[in-house]
Protein backbone atom coordinates (compact mmCIF):
# COMPACT_ATOMS: atom_id res chain seq x y z
CA MET A 1 50.72 -11.72 13.66
CA ASN A 2 47.15 -9.49 13.85
CA ALA A 3 45.93 -11.94 16.56
CA LEU A 4 49.19 -11.49 18.39
CA ARG A 5 49.28 -7.94 17.75
CA LEU A 6 45.48 -7.79 19.51
CA THR A 7 46.46 -9.77 22.71
CA LEU A 8 49.57 -7.16 23.25
CA GLU A 9 47.07 -4.56 22.75
CA ASN A 10 44.65 -6.27 25.16
CA LEU A 11 47.22 -6.51 27.68
CA TYR A 12 48.78 -3.08 27.51
CA ARG A 13 45.03 -1.84 27.91
CA ALA A 14 44.48 -3.92 30.97
CA ASP A 15 47.58 -2.83 32.63
CA VAL A 16 46.77 0.77 32.54
CA LEU A 17 43.22 0.09 34.05
CA LYS A 18 44.80 -2.33 36.67
CA ARG A 19 47.32 0.94 37.23
CA LEU A 20 44.59 3.62 37.20
CA VAL A 21 42.49 1.74 39.70
CA ALA A 22 45.41 1.23 41.90
CA GLY A 23 46.23 4.69 41.85
CA ALA A 24 42.63 5.67 42.21
CA THR A 25 42.35 3.20 45.37
CA ALA A 26 45.73 4.11 47.06
CA GLY A 27 45.39 8.10 46.58
CA ASP A 28 48.52 8.22 44.65
CA ALA A 29 47.97 10.86 42.03
CA ASP A 30 51.11 10.73 40.37
CA ALA A 31 50.30 7.19 39.44
CA PHE A 32 46.79 7.72 38.58
CA LEU A 33 47.66 10.47 36.56
CA GLY A 34 50.53 8.83 34.51
CA ALA A 35 47.99 5.50 33.99
CA ALA A 36 45.22 8.39 32.87
CA ALA A 37 47.75 9.86 30.25
CA GLN A 38 48.03 6.67 29.08
CA LEU A 39 44.11 6.59 28.10
CA THR A 40 44.93 6.80 24.29
CA TRP A 41 43.19 4.23 22.76
CA SER A 42 39.58 4.95 21.14
CA GLY A 43 36.96 4.78 24.17
CA GLY A 44 39.86 4.39 26.75
CA TRP A 45 37.86 6.75 28.83
CA THR A 46 34.86 4.69 28.59
CA ASP A 47 37.02 1.47 29.56
CA ALA A 48 38.59 3.80 32.53
CA LEU A 49 35.14 4.78 34.11
CA ARG A 50 33.45 1.63 34.26
CA ALA A 51 36.66 0.45 35.68
CA LEU A 52 36.56 3.38 38.51
CA VAL A 53 33.00 4.02 39.14
CA PRO A 54 32.53 0.74 40.83
CA LEU A 55 35.07 1.85 43.36
CA GLY A 56 32.03 4.11 44.83
CA THR A 57 34.57 6.64 46.80
CA ILE A 58 38.29 7.63 45.97
CA PRO A 59 40.69 9.73 48.24
CA ASP A 60 40.31 13.13 47.99
CA ALA A 61 43.97 13.28 46.40
CA ILE A 62 43.00 12.11 43.53
CA ARG A 63 40.05 14.35 43.13
CA SER A 64 42.35 17.33 43.57
CA ALA A 65 44.92 16.32 41.08
CA PHE A 66 41.97 15.38 38.47
CA GLU A 67 40.07 18.58 38.94
CA LEU A 68 43.57 20.36 38.16
CA VAL A 69 43.88 18.59 35.24
CA TRP A 70 40.23 19.01 34.23
CA ASP A 71 40.24 22.70 35.09
CA SER A 72 43.16 23.05 32.94
CA SER A 73 42.28 21.23 30.03
CA VAL A 74 39.58 23.41 28.20
CA SER A 75 41.69 24.92 25.61
CA PRO A 76 44.11 22.48 24.25
CA GLU A 77 43.18 20.63 21.45
CA PHE A 78 43.45 17.18 22.80
CA GLY A 79 43.04 17.81 26.23
CA LEU A 80 42.12 15.49 28.76
CA ARG A 81 38.53 16.95 28.80
CA ARG A 82 38.03 16.81 24.72
CA THR A 83 39.52 13.37 24.99
CA LEU A 84 37.01 12.03 27.83
CA THR A 85 33.78 13.79 26.45
CA ILE A 86 34.13 12.48 22.92
CA ASP A 87 34.85 8.99 24.65
CA LEU A 88 31.71 9.23 26.09
CA LEU A 89 29.55 10.71 23.69
CA GLY A 90 26.06 8.86 23.81
CA GLN A 91 26.97 7.70 27.68
CA ASP A 92 25.82 10.36 29.54
CA GLN A 93 24.96 8.25 32.93
CA LEU A 94 28.71 7.21 33.08
CA LEU A 95 29.85 10.49 32.15
CA ALA A 96 27.78 11.94 35.00
CA ASP A 97 28.88 8.98 37.29
CA GLY A 98 32.74 9.24 36.64
CA LEU A 99 32.78 12.92 37.16
CA ARG A 100 30.77 12.82 40.75
CA LEU A 101 33.50 10.52 41.19
CA LEU A 102 36.59 12.61 40.28
CA LEU A 103 35.28 15.93 40.96
CA PRO A 104 35.33 17.46 44.51
CA GLN A 105 31.43 18.60 45.33
CA PRO A 106 31.36 21.70 46.09
CA VAL A 107 28.02 23.42 47.50
CA ARG A 108 25.98 23.96 44.44
CA THR A 109 23.00 25.99 43.87
CA PRO A 110 19.94 25.52 41.62
CA LEU A 111 20.44 26.15 38.09
CA THR A 112 18.41 27.36 34.87
CA LEU A 113 20.17 25.35 32.10
CA TYR A 114 19.63 25.46 28.55
CA ARG A 115 20.44 22.69 25.96
CA LEU A 116 20.01 22.01 21.70
CA GLN A 117 19.80 18.19 21.24
CA SER A 118 18.24 16.16 18.66
CA LEU A 119 14.42 16.09 18.63
CA ALA A 120 14.20 12.39 17.76
CA ASP A 121 16.62 11.81 21.19
CA TYR A 122 14.27 14.45 23.17
CA ARG A 123 11.04 12.14 22.08
CA ALA A 124 12.18 8.70 23.14
CA GLY A 125 13.22 10.33 26.48
CA ARG A 126 17.20 10.37 26.02
CA ILE A 127 18.42 13.81 28.08
CA GLY A 128 21.78 14.61 27.34
CA ALA A 129 24.44 15.64 30.24
CA TRP A 130 26.18 19.02 28.80
CA TRP A 131 23.95 22.14 29.89
CA ASP A 132 24.87 26.01 29.38
CA GLY A 133 23.67 28.88 31.47
CA ASP A 134 23.20 31.30 28.84
CA ARG A 135 20.01 30.44 26.22
CA ASN A 136 21.50 32.87 23.50
CA PHE A 137 24.85 30.72 23.61
CA ALA A 138 23.04 27.73 23.50
CA LEU A 139 21.15 29.13 20.50
CA SER A 140 24.32 29.91 18.62
CA LEU A 141 25.57 26.44 18.64
CA TRP A 142 22.28 25.28 16.52
CA LEU A 143 24.52 25.16 13.36
CA ASN A 144 27.14 22.50 14.86
CA THR A 145 24.52 20.63 17.00
CA SER A 146 21.96 20.19 13.96
CA ALA A 147 24.86 18.52 12.22
CA ALA A 148 24.85 15.72 14.32
CA CYS A 149 21.04 15.30 13.65
CA ASP A 150 19.88 13.14 10.89
CA ASP A 151 16.39 14.65 10.52
CA GLY A 152 17.96 17.97 10.93
CA GLU A 153 15.60 19.00 13.88
CA ILE A 154 16.86 20.11 16.99
CA VAL A 155 14.95 20.96 19.82
CA LEU A 156 15.91 23.67 22.55
CA LEU A 157 15.27 22.55 26.52
CA LYS A 158 15.28 24.11 29.44
CA SER A 159 15.20 22.80 32.73
CA GLU A 160 15.15 24.42 36.39
CA ALA A 161 18.28 21.88 37.50
CA PRO A 162 18.25 21.50 41.04
CA ALA A 163 21.59 21.77 43.19
CA GLU A 164 22.00 17.47 43.39
CA ALA A 165 21.33 17.11 39.83
CA ILE A 166 24.54 19.31 38.93
CA VAL A 167 27.47 17.18 38.46
CA ALA A 168 30.50 19.88 37.50
CA GLY A 169 31.20 23.40 35.82
CA GLU A 170 29.80 26.81 35.78
CA PRO A 171 27.15 27.98 33.86
CA GLU A 172 29.31 30.78 32.78
CA GLU A 173 32.30 28.80 31.55
CA PHE A 174 32.48 25.94 29.47
CA GLY A 175 29.31 24.59 30.20
CA VAL A 176 27.45 22.72 32.63
CA VAL A 177 27.40 18.88 33.14
CA VAL A 178 24.59 17.50 35.04
CA ASP A 179 23.09 13.84 35.95
CA PRO A 180 20.09 13.89 33.46
CA ARG A 181 18.31 11.09 36.23
CA ARG A 182 18.53 13.71 38.79
CA LEU A 183 16.81 16.90 36.81
CA GLY A 184 13.24 17.77 37.49
CA VAL A 185 11.22 19.23 34.69
CA VAL A 186 12.85 19.49 31.34
CA ARG A 187 10.61 21.78 29.11
CA ALA A 188 11.18 22.33 25.50
CA LEU A 189 10.76 25.79 24.08
CA GLY A 190 10.94 25.18 20.54
CA VAL A 191 12.03 23.04 17.44
CA LEU A 192 14.80 23.99 14.90
CA ARG A 193 15.22 23.44 11.31
CA PHE A 194 17.64 23.50 8.70
CA ASP A 195 16.25 25.83 7.33
CA GLN A 196 15.56 28.08 10.31
CA GLU A 197 17.42 31.11 11.51
CA PRO A 198 18.18 30.85 15.43
CA GLU A 199 15.63 33.68 15.96
CA GLN A 200 12.99 31.72 14.83
CA ILE A 201 12.78 29.12 17.88
CA ALA A 202 10.33 29.89 20.48
CA ALA A 203 11.09 32.02 22.99
């Protein structure tokens, strides 16, 4: 019975992904969004982006439809943005590639951006995709961010992001998604530990 259930689940997921790609390829926004709404399994958006990114390009109708859903899903607890970014945790390159494909790419300008992340990841050369344009706001997230760090150490990063590195978002809104591979110099401003206050981090 378990084997049969697994087979049926795999067939269902394959069908959803097939309809998603077909809708994207044909520029059928209704079909695309209908399939996207069914990406409800854990890792569904990871599977989706792995299927979509190889397309290389998609019709503007799909980008416009996706942008409307992306922009309107900031607040709902289980909105598309939350589901997609949770599925893509730790897969920043795939997230950047997927959003670059799915969102319209307006003319952007270089930005000064800040990010808090695990010191261990930073030392290993792993730089995340979500950044913020406000240093103080980035610092205010340190309690939540540090809880995800095994060693309790996080680092505040700063980068002068070139225009081509910026994939989505505005610095004064929910945050900015960048392609870490296209960032210039990333500078560590200081390390924060559980026993420190945010103000103790280097300016």
